[in-house]
Amino acid sequence: MAALSMTDFFKYADDDAKDRKLKILQLYKDSKAFQLKDGTNVVFKFEKTVYNKIAGLKPGDKEAYKDVTFTTTKNQKKKLTDLEKTKELGGGGKGSGGGAENTKMNESSVCLWCAVYEKYGKSDLATVVANYSKVKKLYDVDEKDQVMIGQTDPEWLNHYEKVSKFLMDGMFKGGDYEFHRGSAKVKKLYDKYKQLNKLIEVPFSDANKWNPGDIWVFKKDFELEIDDCQTLDCLNRYIINALADRTMVGISLKKIEGAAVHQKNFNVGEKRPPTIWNGYRVGVEGKGIFGSKDVYIYSKGEDEINMQFRSFDNLSGWQGELIGKTAKYGKAAYGPVNRNLKDLGLETLPPQQEIVTKAKAKQVALLTELYNMFKKYGEPGMTLKNFLETAKSTETKADWVYSKYLGVKMIDILMSSTEKNRNAFTQGLVGYALSNSKDSSAFIKIY
């Protein structure tokens, strides 16, 4: 077994698709399992301070890298240096427990356990192993049976048993249902979504923001009649009606770690709890305009949410990361930001490629605009002349210009508007991050 070194950690820092820091942050946020160098799999408790430490790590800072300490769900302390360099994180192994293969196994297993519970009224491992072959018609998944019934991790077995009992004693009690993950029926649904998503004004870049269903439950003999839908709104109405009739339900799953299981319905006409604008930050206090490349929007409501907007070091990927005190809310990229601005009748951000081109050229007009906007909301710590000299030097990356400009421009647009619009903007971004936007479809979340 090989540990994940600091060199491995930063190897693809300029490539969002391969960036190991981003992968670790996403797995950590989503409460996915990590494989340790001793071969065991663990799930870490999410702590915002730990997340921020990882996000702030810089190449060469060995002490900060060694200082990051996770707490497992069993209250064990682990370091970044305890992580196995799995295939997902740059090694040659089969991948950490939080990778795509384990996600497939975990979600497919919920389907199998539900099928067994529907037939036998219980779903402990012994019952599943003894009877899985007798309920083959009740589940359709993309994982092999032997992989599912061969599991030994008590935390995940507990999760499957609790979720299956909750669903089959609750929403699907007394019914005749089939449980799907990666099936032809699910593929048909998402193929239709992909077709119709292209027709909306600002298409989703992530299908999970439309519907994050990890598994789908269908009434036996239910036929998916969506060929005539010509708009995403039509497909969304079809899904909400099917959920109301309990003939087709998308379910988003979060690992159950406590004693209780909960359910929350989304995009079914529910009144969304208000999220209110609670201020902003364009720079780090006392450090001037070059103190950071990010900006923050703060909101309050059911939760206090910090929205950090920045790029990822390669003149692309500008987006907001939404983290609250009680939950993680995911990301909202350039497209959803502009969608919300446009819906409110406000000025939208310029095309990203236009800003990339100007940032690479260190265009004086763009830099001057950035300085003047920043000066409205923060203390630059220098004159415009000094700012232009520093910004145009080789010490200042074009990515900083790109990231800072888009962030400060967004703040300027919002602060030039009304409080009502600022509140609506934050509400819209939180809704998007929760797959709860105006174009998202109905699903239930089990947590």
Protein backbone atom coordinates (compact mmCIF):
# COMPACT_ATOMS: atom_id res chain seq x y z
CA MET A 1 0.00 0.00 0.00
CA ALA A 2 1.30 3.50 -0.88
CA ALA A 3 0.36 6.64 1.00
CA LEU A 4 -0.79 9.80 -0.79
CA SER A 5 2.22 12.12 -0.75
CA MET A 6 2.12 15.89 -0.97
CA THR A 7 3.62 15.61 -4.47
CA ASP A 8 0.73 13.33 -5.49
CA PHE A 9 -1.76 15.72 -3.89
CA PHE A 10 -0.68 18.70 -6.01
CA LYS A 11 0.32 16.87 -9.21
CA TYR A 12 -2.66 18.04 -11.31
CA ALA A 13 -3.46 21.35 -9.59
CA ASP A 14 -4.03 23.06 -12.95
CA ASP A 15 -6.45 20.47 -14.30
CA ASP A 16 -9.95 20.47 -12.75
CA ALA A 17 -10.70 17.01 -14.15
CA LYS A 18 -7.64 15.44 -12.46
CA ASP A 19 -7.03 17.78 -9.51
CA ARG A 20 -6.66 15.49 -6.50
CA LYS A 21 -7.33 18.27 -4.03
CA LEU A 22 -10.72 18.86 -5.66
CA LYS A 23 -11.46 15.12 -5.68
CA ILE A 24 -10.66 14.82 -1.97
CA LEU A 25 -12.73 17.89 -1.11
CA GLN A 26 -15.72 16.53 -3.04
CA LEU A 27 -15.48 13.06 -1.48
CA TYR A 28 -15.09 14.63 1.97
CA LYS A 29 -18.11 16.93 1.50
CA ASP A 30 -20.27 14.07 0.25
CA SER A 31 -19.39 11.82 3.21
CA LYS A 32 -17.91 9.21 0.88
CA ALA A 33 -15.52 6.51 2.07
CA PHE A 34 -11.74 6.84 1.79
CA GLN A 35 -9.30 3.95 1.62
CA LEU A 36 -6.43 4.17 4.08
CA LYS A 37 -2.91 2.87 3.45
CA ASP A 38 -3.63 -0.03 5.83
CA GLY A 39 -6.38 -1.21 3.44
CA THR A 40 -9.39 -0.21 5.55
CA ASN A 41 -12.18 2.10 4.41
CA VAL A 42 -13.38 4.98 6.57
CA VAL A 43 -15.89 7.83 6.36
CA PHE A 44 -14.88 11.17 7.83
CA LYS A 45 -17.16 13.54 9.73
CA PHE A 46 -17.48 16.80 7.82
CA GLU A 47 -15.89 19.76 9.59
CA LYS A 48 -15.85 23.12 7.87
CA THR A 49 -12.50 24.07 9.43
CA VAL A 50 -10.87 20.92 8.05
CA TYR A 51 -12.44 21.53 4.62
CA ASN A 52 -11.07 25.07 4.57
CA LYS A 53 -7.61 23.85 5.61
CA ILE A 54 -7.51 21.41 2.70
CA ALA A 55 -8.84 24.02 0.26
CA GLY A 56 -6.15 26.46 1.37
CA LEU A 57 -3.18 24.10 1.03
CA LYS A 58 -0.37 25.39 -1.18
CA PRO A 59 2.44 23.43 -2.89
CA GLY A 60 5.53 23.18 -0.70
CA ASP A 61 3.77 23.80 2.63
CA LYS A 62 4.70 20.46 4.22
CA GLU A 63 3.73 21.45 7.75
CA ALA A 64 0.22 22.55 6.72
CA TYR A 65 -0.20 19.31 4.73
CA LYS A 66 0.82 17.19 7.72
CA ASP A 67 -1.37 19.27 10.03
CA VAL A 68 -4.70 18.38 8.35
CA THR A 69 -6.53 16.02 10.72
CA PHE A 70 -9.77 14.19 9.90
CA THR A 71 -12.15 12.60 12.41
CA THR A 72 -13.79 9.35 11.33
CA THR A 73 -17.38 8.46 12.15
CA LYS A 74 -15.88 6.23 14.85
CA ASN A 75 -14.01 9.25 16.30
CA GLN A 76 -10.58 8.10 15.12
CA LYS A 77 -8.07 10.77 14.06
CA LYS A 78 -6.48 10.40 10.62
CA LYS A 79 -4.13 12.51 8.50
CA LEU A 80 -3.86 13.18 4.77
CA THR A 81 -0.73 11.06 4.97
CA ASP A 82 -2.89 8.11 6.08
CA LEU A 83 -4.79 8.09 2.77
CA GLU A 84 -4.02 5.37 0.25
CA LYS A 85 -2.91 6.52 -3.21
CA THR A 86 -5.77 4.70 -4.91
CA LYS A 87 -6.35 4.69 -8.66
CA GLU A 88 -8.78 7.58 -8.21
CA LEU A 89 -6.08 9.57 -6.42
CA GLY A 90 -3.26 8.69 -8.78
CA GLY A 91 -2.24 5.17 -7.79
CA GLY A 92 -2.77 1.81 -9.45
CA GLY A 93 -5.36 0.36 -7.10
CA LYS A 94 -9.06 -0.18 -7.47
CA GLY A 95 -10.01 3.24 -6.12
CA SER A 96 -11.12 4.56 -2.76
CA GLY A 97 -14.40 3.64 -1.14
CA GLY A 98 -15.81 6.94 -2.30
CA GLY A 99 -15.11 6.31 -5.98
CA ALA A 100 -17.52 5.58 -8.80
CA GLU A 101 -17.33 1.80 -8.29
CA ASN A 102 -18.33 2.03 -4.64
CA THR A 103 -21.05 4.56 -5.41
CA LYS A 104 -22.47 2.04 -7.88
CA MET A 105 -22.30 -0.71 -5.28
CA ASN A 106 -23.80 1.40 -2.49
CA GLU A 107 -26.72 2.73 -4.51
CA SER A 108 -27.44 -0.58 -6.24
CA SER A 109 -27.42 -2.31 -2.86
CA VAL A 110 -30.22 -0.07 -1.59
CA CYS A 111 -32.30 -1.31 -4.52
CA LEU A 112 -31.56 -4.96 -3.69
CA TRP A 113 -32.22 -4.52 0.01
CA CYS A 114 -35.55 -2.76 -0.75
CA ALA A 115 -36.57 -5.62 -3.07
CA VAL A 116 -35.86 -8.18 -0.34
CA TYR A 117 -37.70 -6.11 2.28
CA GLU A 118 -40.72 -5.75 -0.02
CA LYS A 119 -40.94 -9.53 -0.35
CA TYR A 120 -39.89 -10.71 3.12
CA GLY A 121 -40.53 -7.79 5.48
CA LYS A 122 -36.90 -7.62 6.61
CA SER A 123 -33.51 -6.94 5.03
CA ASP A 124 -30.71 -8.01 7.33
CA LEU A 125 -27.68 -9.36 5.48
CA ALA A 126 -28.55 -13.02 6.12
CA THR A 127 -32.04 -12.54 4.65
CA VAL A 128 -30.64 -10.72 1.62
CA VAL A 129 -28.00 -13.38 0.93
CA ALA A 130 -30.53 -16.20 1.30
CA ASN A 131 -33.21 -14.63 -0.91
CA TYR A 132 -31.68 -12.21 -3.42
CA SER A 133 -32.08 -14.68 -6.28
CA LYS A 134 -35.81 -14.94 -5.56
CA VAL A 135 -36.48 -11.22 -6.04
CA LYS A 136 -34.54 -10.70 -9.29
CA LYS A 137 -37.61 -9.22 -11.00
CA LEU A 138 -37.92 -6.53 -8.33
CA TYR A 139 -34.58 -4.79 -8.93
CA ASP A 140 -32.68 -3.71 -12.04
CA VAL A 141 -29.22 -2.33 -11.29
CA ASP A 142 -25.78 -2.02 -12.88
CA GLU A 143 -23.89 -3.83 -10.13
CA LYS A 144 -23.20 -7.57 -9.86
CA ASP A 145 -25.14 -9.54 -7.26
CA GLN A 146 -22.01 -11.15 -5.81
CA VAL A 147 -20.44 -7.74 -5.22
CA MET A 148 -23.51 -6.55 -3.31
CA ILE A 149 -24.06 -9.61 -1.15
CA GLY A 150 -20.34 -9.99 -0.50
CA GLN A 151 -20.06 -6.75 1.50
CA THR A 152 -18.86 -6.79 5.09
CA ASP A 153 -18.66 -3.10 6.08
CA PRO A 154 -21.09 -2.81 9.02
CA GLU A 155 -21.69 0.92 8.46
CA TRP A 156 -22.92 0.41 4.90
CA LEU A 157 -24.91 -2.73 5.78
CA ASN A 158 -26.62 -0.72 8.51
CA HIS A 159 -27.34 2.03 5.95
CA TYR A 160 -28.97 -0.40 3.48
CA GLU A 161 -31.10 -2.02 6.16
CA LYS A 162 -32.30 1.27 7.66
CA VAL A 163 -33.10 2.90 4.31
CA SER A 164 -34.98 -0.15 2.98
CA LYS A 165 -37.04 -0.43 6.16
CA PHE A 166 -37.81 3.30 6.12
CA LEU A 167 -38.95 3.30 2.49
CA MET A 168 -40.88 0.03 2.55
CA ASP A 169 -42.65 0.76 5.85
CA GLY A 170 -43.35 4.29 4.71
CA MET A 171 -43.83 5.73 1.23
CA PHE A 172 -43.97 2.38 -0.56
CA LYS A 173 -45.76 0.33 2.08
CA GLY A 174 -48.10 -2.32 0.69
CA GLY A 175 -47.17 -1.51 -2.89
CA ASP A 176 -45.80 -3.57 -5.73
CA TYR A 177 -42.58 -1.84 -6.74
CA GLU A 178 -39.34 -2.30 -8.65
CA PHE A 179 -36.07 -0.59 -7.75
CA HIS A 180 -33.71 0.73 -10.43
CA ARG A 181 -30.20 2.11 -10.76
CA GLY A 182 -28.54 2.46 -14.18
CA SER A 183 -31.29 0.48 -15.91
CA ALA A 184 -32.67 0.95 -19.43
CA LYS A 185 -35.71 2.68 -17.97
CA VAL A 186 -33.56 5.17 -16.03
CA LYS A 187 -31.40 5.73 -19.13
CA LYS A 188 -34.50 6.52 -21.18
CA LEU A 189 -35.55 9.15 -18.63
CA TYR A 190 -32.16 10.86 -18.58
CA ASP A 191 -31.77 10.66 -22.35
CA LYS A 192 -35.02 12.61 -22.63
CA TYR A 193 -33.74 15.12 -20.09
CA LYS A 194 -30.53 15.60 -22.11
CA GLN A 195 -32.55 16.24 -25.25
CA LEU A 196 -34.84 18.81 -23.62
CA ASN A 197 -32.15 20.43 -21.48
CA LYS A 198 -30.55 21.78 -24.66
CA LEU A 199 -33.72 23.76 -25.38
CA ILE A 200 -33.87 25.83 -22.19
CA GLU A 201 -32.27 29.27 -22.08
CA VAL A 202 -29.51 28.33 -19.61
CA PRO A 203 -29.08 24.54 -19.76
CA PHE A 204 -27.98 22.59 -16.71
CA SER A 205 -24.31 21.63 -16.84
CA ASP A 206 -24.93 18.85 -14.31
CA ALA A 207 -27.86 16.44 -14.50
CA ASN A 208 -27.86 16.23 -10.71
CA LYS A 209 -28.96 19.87 -10.54
CA TRP A 210 -32.02 18.86 -12.55
CA ASN A 211 -32.71 15.72 -10.54
CA PRO A 212 -30.18 14.09 -8.17
CA GLY A 213 -32.01 10.76 -8.01
CA ASP A 214 -29.46 8.07 -7.13
CA ILE A 215 -32.08 5.35 -7.49
CA TRP A 216 -35.54 5.30 -9.05
CA VAL A 217 -38.55 3.39 -7.79
CA PHE A 218 -41.19 2.34 -10.34
CA LYS A 219 -44.61 0.83 -9.77
CA LYS A 220 -44.68 -2.66 -11.26
CA ASP A 221 -45.60 -2.58 -14.97
CA PHE A 222 -45.28 1.24 -15.03
CA GLU A 223 -44.58 2.42 -18.57
CA LEU A 224 -42.44 5.51 -19.03
CA GLU A 225 -44.54 7.52 -21.51
CA ILE A 226 -42.41 10.59 -22.18
CA ASP A 227 -41.88 10.49 -25.94
CA ASP A 228 -44.41 13.27 -26.50
CA CYS A 229 -42.73 15.71 -24.10
CA GLN A 230 -41.26 18.55 -26.14
CA THR A 231 -40.12 20.79 -23.25
CA LEU A 232 -38.32 20.27 -19.97
CA ASP A 233 -41.33 21.74 -18.18
CA CYS A 234 -43.48 18.95 -19.66
CA LEU A 235 -41.04 16.30 -18.42
CA ASN A 236 -40.90 17.94 -14.99
CA ARG A 237 -44.72 17.92 -14.72
CA TYR A 238 -44.74 14.26 -15.71
CA ILE A 239 -42.26 13.48 -12.92
CA ILE A 240 -44.10 15.44 -10.22
CA ASN A 241 -47.40 13.77 -11.16
CA ALA A 242 -45.74 10.35 -11.04
CA LEU A 243 -44.30 11.12 -7.61
CA ALA A 244 -47.74 12.22 -6.36
CA ASP A 245 -49.21 8.95 -7.68
CA ARG A 246 -46.19 7.01 -6.35
CA THR A 247 -45.69 5.36 -9.70
CA MET A 248 -42.16 6.74 -10.31
CA VAL A 249 -39.99 8.37 -7.66
CA GLY A 250 -36.39 9.58 -7.84
CA ILE A 251 -34.53 9.22 -4.54
CA SER A 252 -31.37 11.04 -3.49
CA LEU A 253 -29.48 9.04 -0.85
CA LYS A 254 -27.21 10.25 1.93
CA LYS A 255 -25.43 7.74 4.14
CA ILE A 256 -27.36 7.09 7.36
CA GLU A 257 -25.04 7.32 10.34
CA GLY A 258 -27.40 8.14 13.22
CA ALA A 259 -30.36 6.29 14.68
CA ALA A 260 -33.08 8.07 12.70
CA VAL A 261 -33.84 8.22 8.97
CA HIS A 262 -35.48 11.32 7.52
CA GLN A 263 -37.23 12.22 4.27
CA LYS A 264 -37.60 15.57 2.54
CA ASN A 265 -39.46 16.22 -0.69
CA PHE A 266 -38.12 18.70 -3.24
CA ASN A 267 -39.71 20.53 -6.18
CA VAL A 268 -43.24 19.38 -5.34
CA GLY A 269 -44.70 22.85 -4.89
CA GLU A 270 -43.31 23.26 -1.38
CA LYS A 271 -42.70 26.75 -0.08
CA ARG A 272 -38.99 27.28 0.08
CA PRO A 273 -37.61 28.66 3.37
CA PRO A 274 -36.42 32.22 2.70
CA THR A 275 -32.70 32.81 2.26
CA ILE A 276 -31.74 36.43 2.84
CA TRP A 277 -28.69 38.39 1.69
CA ASN A 278 -26.45 39.04 4.69
CA GLY A 279 -23.53 40.94 3.21
CA TYR A 280 -20.43 40.37 1.10
CA ARG A 281 -16.64 40.51 1.12
CA VAL A 282 -14.51 41.50 -1.86
CA GLY A 283 -11.13 40.95 -0.18
CA VAL A 284 -9.29 39.92 2.95
CA GLU A 285 -9.40 42.70 5.51
CA GLY A 286 -6.15 44.62 5.71
CA LYS A 287 -4.55 42.88 2.72
CA GLY A 288 -5.77 45.14 -0.09
CA ILE A 289 -6.96 44.20 -3.53
CA PHE A 290 -4.31 41.49 -4.08
CA GLY A 291 -5.09 39.74 -0.79
CA SER A 292 -7.17 37.04 -2.48
CA LYS A 293 -8.71 36.12 -5.80
CA ASP A 294 -12.11 35.23 -4.32
CA VAL A 295 -15.17 37.14 -3.16
CA TYR A 296 -17.84 36.07 -0.68
CA ILE A 297 -21.58 36.49 -0.40
CA TYR A 298 -23.13 35.75 2.99
CA SER A 299 -26.73 34.73 3.54
CA LYS A 300 -28.96 33.76 6.43
CA GLY A 301 -32.25 31.94 6.84
CA GLU A 302 -32.70 28.31 7.80
CA ASP A 303 -28.91 28.19 7.74
CA GLU A 304 -26.07 30.72 7.55
CA ILE A 305 -24.44 30.09 4.18
CA ASN A 306 -21.08 31.36 2.97
CA MET A 307 -20.79 31.50 -0.81
CA GLN A 308 -17.18 31.64 -2.01
CA PHE A 309 -16.68 32.57 -5.68
CA ARG A 310 -13.34 31.88 -7.35
CA SER A 311 -11.60 30.11 -10.23
CA PHE A 312 -9.32 27.08 -10.03
CA ASP A 313 -5.95 28.36 -11.25
CA ASN A 314 -6.33 27.72 -14.94
CA LEU A 315 -8.50 30.55 -16.29
CA SER A 316 -11.62 28.41 -16.07
CA GLY A 317 -14.09 26.93 -13.66
CA TRP A 318 -15.18 30.18 -11.97
CA GLN A 319 -17.95 29.18 -9.58
CA GLY A 320 -19.44 29.56 -6.14
CA GLU A 321 -19.01 27.00 -3.36
CA LEU A 322 -21.90 27.11 -0.85
CA ILE A 323 -21.19 25.91 2.70
CA GLY A 324 -23.49 26.44 5.67
CA LYS A 325 -23.17 25.81 9.38
CA THR A 326 -25.52 22.82 9.25
CA ALA A 327 -25.06 21.44 5.71
CA LYS A 328 -23.08 21.52 2.47
CA TYR A 329 -24.97 22.99 -0.46
CA GLY A 330 -22.76 22.20 -3.44
CA LYS A 331 -21.71 24.54 -6.22
CA ALA A 332 -23.21 27.18 -8.48
CA ALA A 333 -21.15 27.94 -11.57
CA TYR A 334 -21.06 30.89 -13.98
CA GLY A 335 -24.18 29.71 -15.86
CA PRO A 336 -26.54 29.59 -12.84
CA VAL A 337 -25.16 32.91 -11.59
CA ASN A 338 -26.04 34.56 -14.89
CA ARG A 339 -29.38 32.74 -15.04
CA ASN A 340 -30.34 34.27 -11.68
CA LEU A 341 -29.15 37.74 -12.68
CA LYS A 342 -31.11 37.57 -15.93
CA ASP A 343 -34.28 36.30 -14.20
CA LEU A 344 -34.14 39.39 -12.00
CA GLY A 345 -33.75 41.71 -14.98
CA LEU A 346 -30.21 42.66 -13.96
CA GLU A 347 -27.02 43.09 -15.95
CA THR A 348 -25.31 39.73 -16.51
CA LEU A 349 -21.63 38.87 -16.31
CA PRO A 350 -19.67 39.22 -19.57
CA PRO A 351 -18.89 36.04 -21.53
CA GLN A 352 -16.15 34.11 -19.74
CA GLN A 353 -13.95 33.73 -22.82
CA GLU A 354 -14.03 37.49 -23.33
CA ILE A 355 -12.71 38.01 -19.79
CA VAL A 356 -10.12 35.25 -20.25
CA THR A 357 -8.78 36.98 -23.38
CA LYS A 358 -8.62 40.38 -21.67
CA ALA A 359 -7.09 38.89 -18.52
CA LYS A 360 -4.34 37.19 -20.52
CA ALA A 361 -3.58 40.50 -22.25
CA LYS A 362 -3.76 42.38 -18.90
CA GLN A 363 -5.99 44.88 -20.70
CA VAL A 364 -5.74 48.29 -19.02
CA ALA A 365 -9.46 49.05 -19.45
CA LEU A 366 -10.44 45.81 -17.69
CA LEU A 367 -7.91 46.32 -14.90
CA THR A 368 -9.05 49.90 -14.39
CA GLU A 369 -12.67 48.81 -14.20
CA LEU A 370 -11.72 46.11 -11.68
CA TYR A 371 -9.86 48.61 -9.49
CA ASN A 372 -12.67 51.18 -9.57
CA MET A 373 -15.32 48.56 -8.71
CA PHE A 374 -13.22 47.12 -5.89
CA LYS A 375 -12.68 50.61 -4.45
CA LYS A 376 -16.46 50.98 -3.97
CA TYR A 377 -16.60 48.00 -1.63
CA GLY A 378 -13.12 47.58 -0.14
CA GLU A 379 -9.80 49.27 0.47
CA PRO A 380 -7.38 48.56 -2.44
CA GLY A 381 -4.35 49.53 -0.37
CA MET A 382 -2.69 51.28 -3.31
CA THR A 383 -3.26 53.85 -6.02
CA LEU A 384 -4.61 52.97 -9.44
CA LYS A 385 -1.16 53.59 -10.93
CA ASN A 386 0.50 51.18 -8.51
CA PHE A 387 -2.27 48.65 -9.03
CA LEU A 388 -1.83 48.71 -12.82
CA GLU A 389 1.93 48.30 -12.50
CA THR A 390 1.54 45.30 -10.18
CA ALA A 391 -1.30 43.74 -12.14
CA LYS A 392 0.61 43.94 -15.41
CA SER A 393 3.77 42.43 -13.91
CA THR A 394 4.67 38.78 -14.36
CA GLU A 395 4.07 38.24 -10.62
CA THR A 396 0.32 38.62 -11.14
CA LYS A 397 -1.28 35.65 -12.89
CA ALA A 398 -3.91 36.18 -15.56
CA ASP A 399 -6.06 33.75 -13.60
CA TRP A 400 -6.14 36.18 -10.67
CA VAL A 401 -7.45 38.92 -12.98
CA TYR A 402 -10.08 36.58 -14.45
CA SER A 403 -11.25 35.29 -11.06
CA LYS A 404 -11.23 38.63 -9.23
CA TYR A 405 -12.90 40.53 -12.04
CA LEU A 406 -15.88 38.16 -12.32
CA GLY A 407 -16.35 38.09 -8.55
CA VAL A 408 -16.17 41.85 -8.02
CA LYS A 409 -18.31 42.47 -11.11
CA MET A 410 -21.02 40.21 -9.65
CA ILE A 411 -20.90 42.09 -6.33
CA ASP A 412 -21.10 45.42 -8.15
CA ILE A 413 -24.16 44.34 -10.15
CA LEU A 414 -25.94 43.16 -7.01
CA MET A 415 -24.99 46.14 -4.85
CA SER A 416 -26.19 48.47 -7.61
CA SER A 417 -29.61 46.82 -7.38
CA THR A 418 -32.19 46.53 -4.59
CA GLU A 419 -32.21 44.52 -1.37
CA LYS A 420 -35.19 42.60 -2.74
CA ASN A 421 -33.15 41.49 -5.76
CA ARG A 422 -30.16 40.58 -3.61
CA ASN A 423 -32.39 38.38 -1.46
CA ALA A 424 -33.90 36.76 -4.55
CA PHE A 425 -30.44 36.15 -6.00
CA THR A 426 -29.19 34.31 -2.91
CA GLN A 427 -32.45 32.34 -2.76
CA GLY A 428 -32.01 31.31 -6.39
CA LEU A 429 -28.41 30.17 -5.97
CA VAL A 430 -29.19 28.11 -2.88
CA GLY A 431 -32.12 26.56 -4.74
CA TYR A 432 -29.89 25.65 -7.68
CA ALA A 433 -27.22 24.11 -5.44
CA LEU A 434 -29.93 22.02 -3.74
CA SER A 435 -31.35 20.86 -7.11
CA ASN A 436 -34.30 23.02 -6.13
CA SER A 437 -34.30 25.59 -8.93
CA LYS A 438 -37.24 26.60 -11.10
CA ASP A 439 -36.16 24.12 -13.78
CA SER A 440 -35.37 21.21 -11.43
CA SER A 441 -37.70 18.21 -11.16
CA ALA A 442 -39.34 16.46 -8.22
CA PHE A 443 -37.42 14.00 -6.02
CA ILE A 444 -37.18 12.90 -2.42
CA LYS A 445 -34.07 13.00 -0.28
CA ILE A 446 -33.35 10.31 2.31
CA TYR A 447 -30.85 11.32 4.98
